Amino acid sequence: AVASAFALAACRCNSEVSAKKKGAVAPRVLCIAPFDDLPGQYVAMMNSIFSFQKTGVLVDACVLCDKDCRLLQQAADITHGAYWRPEPKDLQGNALVQYLITVFLSDKGTRF
């Protein structure tokens, strides 16, 4: 299901980037994942990730479990996006919303 969503997002981002002037749009993808890995969807996900890389789309990932998701780490690294796995204490009350805004809302130029 995640690979299908990534493929759909890649198609949509590609059509938006192709329809506009280069640099006129800056599409991004944020994946909030409650899982740690997707071994059965690796090839399909990597195809979408390379499509994101080619069109300049940032892939940001927030993993809400106790282990890192290597595939989403790769996606964020390849596309120069952000990867974050919060500690359980960071998920208390409204803290998650504040972290999401702080980590993922800023654009590429502001982040790094």
PDB file of N, CA and C in Angstrom:
ATOM      1  N   ALA A   1       0.812  -1.195   0.000  1.00  0.00           N
ATOM      2  CA  ALA A   1       0.000   0.000   0.000  1.00  0.00           C
ATOM      3  C   ALA A   1       0.857   1.261   0.000  1.00  0.00           C
ATOM      4  N   VAL A   2       1.966   1.232   0.743  1.00  0.00           N
ATOM      5  CA  VAL A   2       2.839   2.408   0.801  1.00  0.00           C
ATOM      6  C   VAL A   2       3.533   2.616  -0.539  1.00  0.00           C
ATOM      7  N   ALA A   3       3.958   1.529  -1.174  1.00  0.00           N
ATOM      8  CA  ALA A   3       4.612   1.647  -2.477  1.00  0.00           C
ATOM      9  C   ALA A   3       3.654   2.230  -3.514  1.00  0.00           C
ATOM     10  N   SER A   4       2.395   1.837  -3.461  1.00  0.00           N
ATOM     11  CA  SER A   4       1.391   2.385  -4.380  1.00  0.00           C
ATOM     12  C   SER A   4       1.176   3.870  -4.135  1.00  0.00           C
ATOM     13  N   ALA A   5       1.142   4.259  -2.871  1.00  0.00           N
ATOM     14  CA  ALA A   5       0.981   5.682  -2.540  1.00  0.00           C
ATOM     15  C   ALA A   5       2.188   6.487  -3.012  1.00  0.00           C
ATOM     16  N   PHE A   6       3.386   5.935  -2.847  1.00  0.00           N
ATOM     17  CA  PHE A   6       4.593   6.619  -3.320  1.00  0.00           C
ATOM     18  C   PHE A   6       4.572   6.753  -4.841  1.00  0.00           C
ATOM     19  N   ALA A   7       4.148   5.697  -5.545  1.00  0.00           N
ATOM     20  CA  ALA A   7       4.088   5.747  -7.007  1.00  0.00           C
ATOM     21  C   ALA A   7       3.087   6.800  -7.477  1.00  0.00           C
ATOM     22  N   LEU A   8       1.941   6.857  -6.829  1.00  0.00           N
ATOM     23  CA  LEU A   8       0.935   7.863  -7.174  1.00  0.00           C
ATOM     24  C   LEU A   8       1.463   9.272  -6.906  1.00  0.00           C
ATOM     25  N   ALA A   9       2.127   9.447  -5.773  1.00  0.00           N
ATOM     26  CA  ALA A   9       2.709  10.755  -5.445  1.00  0.00           C
ATOM     27  C   ALA A   9       3.796  11.134  -6.443  1.00  0.00           C
ATOM     28  N   ALA A  10       4.599  10.160  -6.862  1.00  0.00           N
ATOM     29  CA  ALA A  10       5.653  10.435  -7.844  1.00  0.00           C
ATOM     30  C   ALA A  10       5.054  10.884  -9.173  1.00  0.00           C
ATOM     31  N   CYS A  11       3.979  10.235  -9.601  1.00  0.00           N
ATOM     32  CA  CYS A  11       3.310  10.628 -10.848  1.00  0.00           C
ATOM     33  C   CYS A  11       2.747  12.040 -10.739  1.00  0.00           C
ATOM     34  N   ARG A  12       2.100  12.319  -9.638  1.00  0.00           N
ATOM     35  CA  ARG A  12       1.490  13.642  -9.435  1.00  0.00           C
ATOM     36  C   ARG A  12       2.555  14.734  -9.375  1.00  0.00           C
ATOM     37  N   CYS A  13       3.621  14.486  -8.635  1.00  0.00           N
ATOM     38  CA  CYS A  13       4.707  15.475  -8.537  1.00  0.00           C
ATOM     39  C   CYS A  13       5.364  15.695  -9.892  1.00  0.00           C
ATOM     40  N   ASN A  14       5.568  14.612 -10.636  1.00  0.00           N
ATOM     41  CA  ASN A  14       6.183  14.734 -11.958  1.00  0.00           C
ATOM     42  C   ASN A  14       5.317  15.570 -12.888  1.00  0.00           C
ATOM     43  N   SER A  15       4.008  15.368 -12.856  1.00  0.00           N
ATOM     44  CA  SER A  15       3.131  16.152 -13.732  1.00  0.00           C
ATOM     45  C   SER A  15       3.104  17.620 -13.318  1.00  0.00           C
ATOM     46  N   GLU A  16       3.154  17.900 -12.013  1.00  0.00           N
ATOM     47  CA  GLU A  16       3.186  19.295 -11.546  1.00  0.00           C
ATOM     48  C   GLU A  16       4.483  19.983 -11.949  1.00  0.00           C
ATOM     49  N   VAL A  17       5.595  19.290 -11.774  1.00  0.00           N
ATOM     50  CA  VAL A  17       6.894  19.872 -12.121  1.00  0.00           C
ATOM     51  C   VAL A  17       6.993  20.072 -13.628  1.00  0.00           C
ATOM     52  N   SER A  18       6.486  19.123 -14.414  1.00  0.00           N
ATOM     53  CA  SER A  18       6.544  19.226 -15.876  1.00  0.00           C
ATOM     54  C   SER A  18       5.670  20.353 -16.406  1.00  0.00           C
ATOM     55  N   ALA A  19       4.542  20.599 -15.760  1.00  0.00           N
ATOM     56  CA  ALA A  19       3.598  21.615 -16.229  1.00  0.00           C
ATOM     57  C   ALA A  19       4.049  23.033 -15.897  1.00  0.00           C
ATOM     58  N   LYS A  20       4.872  23.186 -14.899  1.00  0.00           N
ATOM     59  CA  LYS A  20       5.317  24.516 -14.466  1.00  0.00           C
ATOM     60  C   LYS A  20       6.752  24.763 -14.906  1.00  0.00           C
ATOM     61  N   LYS A  21       7.177  26.013 -14.783  1.00  0.00           N
ATOM     62  CA  LYS A  21       8.577  26.326 -15.042  1.00  0.00           C
ATOM     63  C   LYS A  21       9.441  25.692 -13.964  1.00  0.00           C
ATOM     64  N   LYS A  22      10.665  25.367 -14.320  1.00  0.00           N
ATOM     65  CA  LYS A  22      11.595  24.773 -13.358  1.00  0.00           C
ATOM     66  C   LYS A  22      11.767  25.719 -12.176  1.00  0.00           C
ATOM     67  N   GLY A  23      11.555  25.235 -10.981  1.00  0.00           N
ATOM     68  CA  GLY A  23      11.696  26.049  -9.779  1.00  0.00           C
ATOM     69  C   GLY A  23      10.432  26.775  -9.371  1.00  0.00           C
ATOM     70  N   ALA A  24       9.389  26.746 -10.204  1.00  0.00           N
ATOM     71  CA  ALA A  24       8.142  27.440  -9.871  1.00  0.00           C
ATOM     72  C   ALA A  24       7.370  26.702  -8.781  1.00  0.00           C
ATOM     73  N   VAL A  25       7.504  25.389  -8.749  1.00  0.00           N
ATOM     74  CA  VAL A  25       6.883  24.592  -7.692  1.00  0.00           C
ATOM     75  C   VAL A  25       7.973  23.789  -6.990  1.00  0.00           C
ATOM     76  N   ALA A  26       7.749  23.523  -5.733  1.00  0.00           N
ATOM     77  CA  ALA A  26       8.697  22.718  -4.954  1.00  0.00           C
ATOM     78  C   ALA A  26       7.919  21.650  -4.188  1.00  0.00           C
ATOM     79  N   PRO A  27       7.457  20.620  -4.898  1.00  0.00           N
ATOM     80  CA  PRO A  27       6.661  19.602  -4.222  1.00  0.00           C
ATOM     81  C   PRO A  27       7.497  18.800  -3.225  1.00  0.00           C
ATOM     82  N   ARG A  28       6.831  18.374  -2.157  1.00  0.00           N
ATOM     83  CA  ARG A  28       7.469  17.548  -1.136  1.00  0.00           C
ATOM     84  C   ARG A  28       6.513  16.435  -0.742  1.00  0.00           C
ATOM     85  N   VAL A  29       7.065  15.369  -0.211  1.00  0.00           N
ATOM     86  CA  VAL A  29       6.270  14.242   0.262  1.00  0.00           C
ATOM     87  C   VAL A  29       6.632  14.018   1.725  1.00  0.00           C
ATOM     88  N   LEU A  30       5.627  13.915   2.569  1.00  0.00           N
ATOM     89  CA  LEU A  30       5.833  13.589   3.977  1.00  0.00           C
ATOM     90  C   LEU A  30       5.178  12.242   4.257  1.00  0.00           C
ATOM     91  N   CYS A  31       5.970  11.293   4.697  1.00  0.00           N
ATOM     92  CA  CYS A  31       5.468   9.963   5.045  1.00  0.00           C
ATOM     93  C   CYS A  31       5.538   9.816   6.559  1.00  0.00           C
ATOM     94  N   ILE A  32       4.392   9.716   7.200  1.00  0.00           N
ATOM     95  CA  ILE A  32       4.326   9.459   8.636  1.00  0.00           C
ATOM     96  C   ILE A  32       3.998   7.974   8.778  1.00  0.00           C
ATOM     97  N   ALA A  33       4.979   7.209   9.250  1.00  0.00           N
ATOM     98  CA  ALA A  33       4.872   5.755   9.219  1.00  0.00           C
ATOM     99  C   ALA A  33       4.847   5.135  10.611  1.00  0.00           C
ATOM    100  N   PRO A  34       3.868   4.273  10.878  1.00  0.00           N
ATOM    101  CA  PRO A  34       3.831   3.560  12.156  1.00  0.00           C
ATOM    102  C   PRO A  34       4.547   2.207  12.094  1.00  0.00           C
ATOM    103  N   PHE A  35       5.380   1.988  11.087  1.00  0.00           N
ATOM    104  CA  PHE A  35       6.062   0.712  10.895  1.00  0.00           C
ATOM    105  C   PHE A  35       7.561   0.945  10.791  1.00  0.00           C
ATOM    106  N   ASP A  36       8.327  -0.150  10.917  1.00  0.00           N
ATOM    107  CA  ASP A  36       9.771   0.003  10.875  1.00  0.00           C
ATOM    108  C   ASP A  36      10.414  -0.437   9.565  1.00  0.00           C
ATOM    109  N   ASP A  37       9.803  -1.305   8.797  1.00  0.00           N
ATOM    110  CA  ASP A  37      10.422  -1.693   7.533  1.00  0.00           C
ATOM    111  C   ASP A  37       9.398  -2.269   6.562  1.00  0.00           C
ATOM    112  N   LEU A  38       9.753  -2.241   5.281  1.00  0.00           N
ATOM    113  CA  LEU A  38       8.867  -2.700   4.208  1.00  0.00           C
ATOM    114  C   LEU A  38       9.646  -3.588   3.235  1.00  0.00           C
ATOM    115  N   PRO A  39      10.097  -4.764   3.642  1.00  0.00           N
ATOM    116  CA  PRO A  39      10.959  -5.561   2.767  1.00  0.00           C
ATOM    117  C   PRO A  39      10.293  -5.995   1.464  1.00  0.00           C
ATOM    118  N   GLY A  40       9.005  -6.250   1.469  1.00  0.00           N
ATOM    119  CA  GLY A  40       8.323  -6.710   0.264  1.00  0.00           C
ATOM    120  C   GLY A  40       8.056  -5.623  -0.757  1.00  0.00           C
ATOM    121  N   GLN A  41       8.234  -4.368  -0.370  1.00  0.00           N
ATOM    122  CA  GLN A  41       7.935  -3.252  -1.266  1.00  0.00           C
ATOM    123  C   GLN A  41       9.193  -2.481  -1.669  1.00  0.00           C
ATOM    124  N   TYR A  42      10.360  -3.071  -1.434  1.00  0.00           N
ATOM    125  CA  TYR A  42      11.616  -2.358  -1.630  1.00  0.00           C
ATOM    126  C   TYR A  42      11.797  -1.855  -3.068  1.00  0.00           C
ATOM    127  N   VAL A  43      11.645  -2.729  -4.046  1.00  0.00           N
ATOM    128  CA  VAL A  43      11.906  -2.354  -5.445  1.00  0.00           C
ATOM    129  C   VAL A  43      10.935  -1.270  -5.913  1.00  0.00           C
ATOM    130  N   ALA A  44       9.664  -1.444  -5.636  1.00  0.00           N
ATOM    131  CA  ALA A  44       8.669  -0.448  -6.053  1.00  0.00           C
ATOM    132  C   ALA A  44       8.917   0.892  -5.371  1.00  0.00           C
ATOM    133  N   MET A  45       9.273   0.852  -4.090  1.00  0.00           N
ATOM    134  CA  MET A  45       9.556   2.101  -3.367  1.00  0.00           C
ATOM    135  C   MET A  45      10.796   2.783  -3.937  1.00  0.00           C
ATOM    136  N   MET A  46      11.845   2.015  -4.218  1.00  0.00           N
ATOM    137  CA  MET A  46      13.074   2.612  -4.744  1.00  0.00           C
ATOM    138  C   MET A  46      12.830   3.239  -6.117  1.00  0.00           C
ATOM    139  N   ASN A  47      12.001   2.630  -6.940  1.00  0.00           N
ATOM    140  CA  ASN A  47      11.668   3.238  -8.232  1.00  0.00           C
ATOM    141  C   ASN A  47      11.023   4.607  -8.034  1.00  0.00           C
ATOM    142  N   SER A  48      10.103   4.702  -7.100  1.00  0.00           N
ATOM    143  CA  SER A  48       9.459   5.988  -6.810  1.00  0.00           C
ATOM    144  C   SER A  48      10.458   6.980  -6.230  1.00  0.00           C
ATOM    145  N   ILE A  49      11.326   6.507  -5.353  1.00  0.00           N
ATOM    146  CA  ILE A  49      12.324   7.380  -4.735  1.00  0.00           C
ATOM    147  C   ILE A  49      13.255   7.960  -5.791  1.00  0.00           C
ATOM    148  N   PHE A  50      13.689   7.139  -6.744  1.00  0.00           N
ATOM    149  CA  PHE A  50      14.552   7.655  -7.815  1.00  0.00           C
ATOM    150  C   PHE A  50      13.802   8.646  -8.703  1.00  0.00           C
ATOM    151  N   SER A  51      12.515   8.435  -8.885  1.00  0.00           N
ATOM    152  CA  SER A  51      11.703   9.404  -9.621  1.00  0.00           C
ATOM    153  C   SER A  51      11.629  10.726  -8.868  1.00  0.00           C
ATOM    154  N   PHE A  52      11.448  10.649  -7.545  1.00  0.00           N
ATOM    155  CA  PHE A  52      11.452  11.868  -6.727  1.00  0.00           C
ATOM    156  C   PHE A  52      12.792  12.586  -6.843  1.00  0.00           C
ATOM    157  N   GLN A  53      13.866  11.829  -6.799  1.00  0.00           N
ATOM    158  CA  GLN A  53      15.203  12.423  -6.895  1.00  0.00           C
ATOM    159  C   GLN A  53      15.381  13.142  -8.236  1.00  0.00           C
ATOM    160  N   LYS A  54      14.946  12.509  -9.307  1.00  0.00           N
ATOM    161  CA  LYS A  54      15.105  13.083 -10.647  1.00  0.00           C
ATOM    162  C   LYS A  54      14.321  14.384 -10.810  1.00  0.00           C
ATOM    163  N   THR A  55      13.145  14.472 -10.199  1.00  0.00           N
ATOM    164  CA  THR A  55      12.317  15.673 -10.327  1.00  0.00           C
ATOM    165  C   THR A  55      12.567  16.692  -9.220  1.00  0.00           C
ATOM    166  N   GLY A  56      13.488  16.383  -8.292  1.00  0.00           N
ATOM    167  CA  GLY A  56      13.833  17.340  -7.240  1.00  0.00           C
ATOM    168  C   GLY A  56      12.825  17.423  -6.112  1.00  0.00           C
ATOM    169  N   VAL A  57      12.110  16.340  -5.862  1.00  0.00           N
ATOM    170  CA  VAL A  57      11.103  16.300  -4.800  1.00  0.00           C
ATOM    171  C   VAL A  57      11.753  15.803  -3.510  1.00  0.00           C
ATOM    172  N   LEU A  58      11.571  16.548  -2.424  1.00  0.00           N
ATOM    173  CA  LEU A  58      12.068  16.113  -1.121  1.00  0.00           C
ATOM    174  C   LEU A  58      11.126  15.073  -0.536  1.00  0.00           C
ATOM    175  N   VAL A  59      11.672  14.011   0.008  1.00  0.00           N
ATOM    176  CA  VAL A  59      10.875  13.025   0.731  1.00  0.00           C
ATOM    177  C   VAL A  59      11.261  13.122   2.199  1.00  0.00           C
ATOM    178  N   ASP A  60      10.308  13.522   3.024  1.00  0.00           N
ATOM    179  CA  ASP A  60      10.499  13.600   4.467  1.00  0.00           C
ATOM    180  C   ASP A  60       9.821  12.393   5.099  1.00  0.00           C
ATOM    181  N   ALA A  61      10.410  11.879   6.172  1.00  0.00           N
ATOM    182  CA  ALA A  61       9.840  10.707   6.832  1.00  0.00           C
ATOM    183  C   ALA A  61       9.847  10.884   8.340  1.00  0.00           C
ATOM    184  N   CYS A  62       8.737  10.527   8.945  1.00  0.00           N
ATOM    185  CA  CYS A  62       8.602  10.511  10.400  1.00  0.00           C
ATOM    186  C   CYS A  62       8.130   9.107  10.772  1.00  0.00           C
ATOM    187  N   VAL A  63       8.965   8.366  11.478  1.00  0.00           N
ATOM    188  CA  VAL A  63       8.665   6.981  11.830  1.00  0.00           C
ATOM    189  C   VAL A  63       8.236   6.913  13.287  1.00  0.00           C
ATOM    190  N   LEU A  64       7.031   6.448  13.527  1.00  0.00           N
ATOM    191  CA  LEU A  64       6.448   6.423  14.870  1.00  0.00           C
ATOM    192  C   LEU A  64       6.483   5.024  15.484  1.00  0.00           C
ATOM    193  N   CYS A  65       7.635   4.396  15.479  1.00  0.00           N
ATOM    194  CA  CYS A  65       7.796   3.117  16.163  1.00  0.00           C
ATOM    195  C   CYS A  65       9.177   3.091  16.808  1.00  0.00           C
ATOM    196  N   ASP A  66       9.502   2.008  17.482  1.00  0.00           N
ATOM    197  CA  ASP A  66      10.742   1.987  18.258  1.00  0.00           C
ATOM    198  C   ASP A  66      11.993   1.647  17.457  1.00  0.00           C
ATOM    199  N   LYS A  67      11.860   1.286  16.181  1.00  0.00           N
ATOM    200  CA  LYS A  67      13.017   0.980  15.337  1.00  0.00           C
ATOM    201  C   LYS A  67      12.996   1.858  14.093  1.00  0.00           C
ATOM    202  N   ASP A  68      14.188   2.147  13.573  1.00  0.00           N
ATOM    203  CA  ASP A  68      14.291   2.945  12.352  1.00  0.00           C
ATOM    204  C   ASP A  68      13.806   2.154  11.144  1.00  0.00           C
ATOM    205  N   CYS A  69      13.287   2.869  10.159  1.00  0.00           N
ATOM    206  CA  CYS A  69      12.889   2.277   8.884  1.00  0.00           C
ATOM    207  C   CYS A  69      13.984   2.602   7.876  1.00  0.00           C
ATOM    208  N   ARG A  70      14.770   1.593   7.519  1.00  0.00           N
ATOM    209  CA  ARG A  70      15.917   1.824   6.636  1.00  0.00           C
ATOM    210  C   ARG A  70      15.503   2.334   5.262  1.00  0.00           C
ATOM    211  N   LEU A  71      14.382   1.869   4.763  1.00  0.00           N
ATOM    212  CA  LEU A  71      13.924   2.297   3.442  1.00  0.00           C
ATOM    213  C   LEU A  71      13.559   3.782   3.442  1.00  0.00           C
ATOM    214  N   LEU A  72      12.875   4.240   4.468  1.00  0.00           N
ATOM    215  CA  LEU A  72      12.528   5.662   4.538  1.00  0.00           C
ATOM    216  C   LEU A  72      13.755   6.519   4.850  1.00  0.00           C
ATOM    217  N   GLN A  73      14.726   5.958   5.581  1.00  0.00           N
ATOM    218  CA  GLN A  73      15.992   6.671   5.785  1.00  0.00           C
ATOM    219  C   GLN A  73      16.674   6.887   4.441  1.00  0.00           C
ATOM    220  N   GLN A  74      16.694   5.843   3.620  1.00  0.00           N
ATOM    221  CA  GLN A  74      17.279   5.950   2.283  1.00  0.00           C
ATOM    222  C   GLN A  74      16.540   6.978   1.444  1.00  0.00           C
ATOM    223  N   ALA A  75      15.228   6.953   1.495  1.00  0.00           N
ATOM    224  CA  ALA A  75      14.419   7.890   0.713  1.00  0.00           C
ATOM    225  C   ALA A  75      14.750   9.325   1.092  1.00  0.00           C
ATOM    226  N   ALA A  76      14.811   9.596   2.381  1.00  0.00           N
ATOM    227  CA  ALA A  76      15.124  10.951   2.838  1.00  0.00           C
ATOM    228  C   ALA A  76      16.542  11.342   2.442  1.00  0.00           C
ATOM    229  N   ASP A  77      17.477  10.422   2.561  1.00  0.00           N
ATOM    230  CA  ASP A  77      18.868  10.723   2.222  1.00  0.00           C
ATOM    231  C   ASP A  77      19.045  10.980   0.726  1.00  0.00           C
ATOM    232  N   ILE A  78      18.487  10.125  -0.095  1.00  0.00           N
ATOM    233  CA  ILE A  78      18.640  10.252  -1.552  1.00  0.00           C
ATOM    234  C   ILE A  78      18.019  11.544  -2.072  1.00  0.00           C
ATOM    235  N   THR A  79      16.892  11.954  -1.504  1.00  0.00           N
ATOM    236  CA  THR A  79      16.179  13.141  -1.997  1.00  0.00           C
ATOM    237  C   THR A  79      16.496  14.407  -1.204  1.00  0.00           C
ATOM    238  N   HIS A  80      17.418  14.303  -0.254  1.00  0.00           N
ATOM    239  CA  HIS A  80      17.810  15.435   0.610  1.00  0.00           C
ATOM    240  C   HIS A  80      16.654  15.910   1.487  1.00  0.00           C
ATOM    241  N   GLY A  81      15.820  14.979   1.880  1.00  0.00           N
ATOM    242  CA  GLY A  81      14.722  15.280   2.793  1.00  0.00           C
ATOM    243  C   GLY A  81      15.161  15.087   4.234  1.00  0.00           C
ATOM    244  N   ALA A  82      14.204  15.136   5.137  1.00  0.00           N
ATOM    245  CA  ALA A  82      14.483  14.978   6.566  1.00  0.00           C
ATOM    246  C   ALA A  82      13.910  13.652   7.052  1.00  0.00           C
ATOM    247  N   TYR A  83      14.636  13.013   7.951  1.00  0.00           N
ATOM    248  CA  TYR A  83      14.178  11.769   8.569  1.00  0.00           C
ATOM    249  C   TYR A  83      14.183  11.981  10.070  1.00  0.00           C
ATOM    250  N   TRP A  84      13.093  11.588  10.720  1.00  0.00           N
ATOM    251  CA  TRP A  84      13.006  11.764  12.165  1.00  0.00           C
ATOM    252  C   TRP A  84      12.216  10.630  12.778  1.00  0.00           C
ATOM    253  N   ARG A  85      12.788  10.035  13.814  1.00  0.00           N
ATOM    254  CA  ARG A  85      12.086   9.028  14.609  1.00  0.00           C
ATOM    255  C   ARG A  85      12.044   9.551  16.034  1.00  0.00           C
ATOM    256  N   PRO A  86      10.888  10.052  16.468  1.00  0.00           N
ATOM    257  CA  PRO A  86      10.797  10.646  17.804  1.00  0.00           C
ATOM    258  C   PRO A  86      10.922   9.606  18.913  1.00  0.00           C
ATOM    259  N   GLU A  87      11.435  10.050  20.015  1.00  0.00           N
ATOM    260  CA  GLU A  87      11.475   9.218  21.221  1.00  0.00           C
ATOM    261  C   GLU A  87      10.056   9.148  21.793  1.00  0.00           C
ATOM    262  N   PRO A  88       9.745   8.106  22.557  1.00  0.00           N
ATOM    263  CA  PRO A  88       8.393   8.000  23.138  1.00  0.00           C
ATOM    264  C   PRO A  88       7.986   9.222  23.955  1.00  0.00           C
ATOM    265  N   LYS A  89       8.931   9.861  24.628  1.00  0.00           N
ATOM    266  CA  LYS A  89       8.600  11.054  25.420  1.00  0.00           C
ATOM    267  C   LYS A  89       8.180  12.220  24.526  1.00  0.00           C
ATOM    268  N   ASP A  90       8.622  12.206  23.259  1.00  0.00           N
ATOM    269  CA  ASP A  90       8.264  13.272  22.323  1.00  0.00           C
ATOM    270  C   ASP A  90       6.834  13.134  21.806  1.00  0.00           C
ATOM    271  N   LEU A  91       6.201  12.017  22.091  1.00  0.00           N
ATOM    272  CA  LEU A  91       4.849  11.760  21.593  1.00  0.00           C
ATOM    273  C   LEU A  91       3.775  12.110  22.615  1.00  0.00           C
ATOM    274  N   GLN A  92       4.150  12.746  23.695  1.00  0.00           N
ATOM    275  CA  GLN A  92       3.202  13.109  24.750  1.00  0.00           C
ATOM    276  C   GLN A  92       2.442  14.379  24.379  1.00  0.00           C
ATOM    277  N   GLY A  93       1.129  14.369  24.554  1.00  0.00           N
ATOM    278  CA  GLY A  93       0.306  15.563  24.350  1.00  0.00           C
ATOM    279  C   GLY A  93       0.462  16.169  22.963  1.00  0.00           C
ATOM    280  N   ASN A  94       0.644  17.481  22.920  1.00  0.00           N
ATOM    281  CA  ASN A  94       0.772  18.211  21.658  1.00  0.00           C
ATOM    282  C   ASN A  94       2.206  18.299  21.165  1.00  0.00           C
ATOM    283  N   ALA A  95       3.123  17.636  21.848  1.00  0.00           N
ATOM    284  CA  ALA A  95       4.534  17.727  21.473  1.00  0.00           C
ATOM    285  C   ALA A  95       4.775  17.232  20.052  1.00  0.00           C
ATOM    286  N   LEU A  96       4.066  16.189  19.631  1.00  0.00           N
ATOM    287  CA  LEU A  96       4.272  15.647  18.289  1.00  0.00           C
ATOM    288  C   LEU A  96       3.964  16.691  17.223  1.00  0.00           C
ATOM    289  N   VAL A  97       2.878  17.402  17.373  1.00  0.00           N
ATOM    290  CA  VAL A  97       2.511  18.441  16.399  1.00  0.00           C
ATOM    291  C   VAL A  97       3.589  19.517  16.341  1.00  0.00           C
ATOM    292  N   GLN A  98       4.092  19.927  17.482  1.00  0.00           N
ATOM    293  CA  GLN A  98       5.145  20.945  17.515  1.00  0.00           C
ATOM    294  C   GLN A  98       6.409  20.446  16.826  1.00  0.00           C
ATOM    295  N   TYR A  99       6.783  19.193  17.077  1.00  0.00           N
ATOM    296  CA  TYR A  99       7.955  18.625  16.417  1.00  0.00           C
ATOM    297  C   TYR A  99       7.742  18.528  14.907  1.00  0.00           C
ATOM    298  N   LEU A 100       6.565  18.069  14.481  1.00  0.00           N
ATOM    299  CA  LEU A 100       6.292  17.954  13.044  1.00  0.00           C
ATOM    300  C   LEU A 100       6.408  19.308  12.359  1.00  0.00           C
ATOM    301  N   ILE A 101       5.864  20.337  12.981  1.00  0.00           N
ATOM    302  CA  ILE A 101       5.947  21.681  12.408  1.00  0.00           C
ATOM    303  C   ILE A 101       7.395  22.146  12.353  1.00  0.00           C
ATOM    304  N   THR A 102       8.129  21.932  13.431  1.00  0.00           N
ATOM    305  CA  THR A 102       9.517  22.383  13.493  1.00  0.00           C
ATOM    306  C   THR A 102      10.406  21.651  12.496  1.00  0.00           C
ATOM    307  N   VAL A 103      10.261  20.345  12.412  1.00  0.00           N
ATOM    308  CA  VAL A 103      11.159  19.541  11.587  1.00  0.00           C
ATOM    309  C   VAL A 103      10.783  19.579  10.108  1.00  0.00           C
ATOM    310  N   PHE A 104       9.495  19.515   9.789  1.00  0.00           N
ATOM    311  CA  PHE A 104       9.096  19.284   8.403  1.00  0.00           C
ATOM    312  C   PHE A 104       8.472  20.470   7.671  1.00  0.00           C
ATOM    313  N   LEU A 105       8.093  21.524   8.340  1.00  0.00           N
ATOM    314  CA  LEU A 105       7.400  22.613   7.661  1.00  0.00           C
ATOM    315  C   LEU A 105       8.336  23.503   6.848  1.00  0.00           C
ATOM    316  N   SER A 106       9.554  23.670   7.301  1.00  0.00           N
ATOM    317  CA  SER A 106      10.472  24.579   6.612  1.00  0.00           C
ATOM    318  C   SER A 106      10.869  24.035   5.243  1.00  0.00           C
ATOM    319  N   ASP A 107      11.179  24.951   4.329  1.00  0.00           N
ATOM    320  CA  ASP A 107      11.553  24.538   2.980  1.00  0.00           C
ATOM    321  C   ASP A 107      13.017  24.093   2.940  1.00  0.00           C
ATOM    322  N   LYS A 108      13.450  23.628   1.773  1.00  0.00           N
ATOM    323  CA  LYS A 108      14.792  23.071   1.614  1.00  0.00           C
ATOM    324  C   LYS A 108      15.881  24.085   1.951  1.00  0.00           C
ATOM    325  N   GLY A 109      15.720  25.303   1.510  1.00  0.00           N
ATOM    326  CA  GLY A 109      16.729  26.333   1.751  1.00  0.00           C
ATOM    327  C   GLY A 109      16.852  26.735   3.208  1.00  0.00           C
ATOM    328  N   THR A 110      15.768  26.646   3.944  1.00  0.00           N
ATOM    329  CA  THR A 110      15.770  27.033   5.349  1.00  0.00           C
ATOM    330  C   THR A 110      16.326  25.932   6.242  1.00  0.00           C
ATOM    331  N   ARG A 111      16.128  24.697   5.860  1.00  0.00           N
ATOM    332  CA  ARG A 111      16.524  23.559   6.684  1.00  0.00           C
ATOM    333  C   ARG A 111      18.019  23.393   6.856  1.00  0.00           C
ATOM    334  N   PHE A 112      18.749  23.431   5.766  1.00  0.00           N
ATOM    335  CA  PHE A 112      20.147  23.020   5.821  1.00  0.00           C
ATOM    336  C   PHE A 112      21.066  24.140   5.452  1.00  0.00           C
TER     337      PHE A 112
END
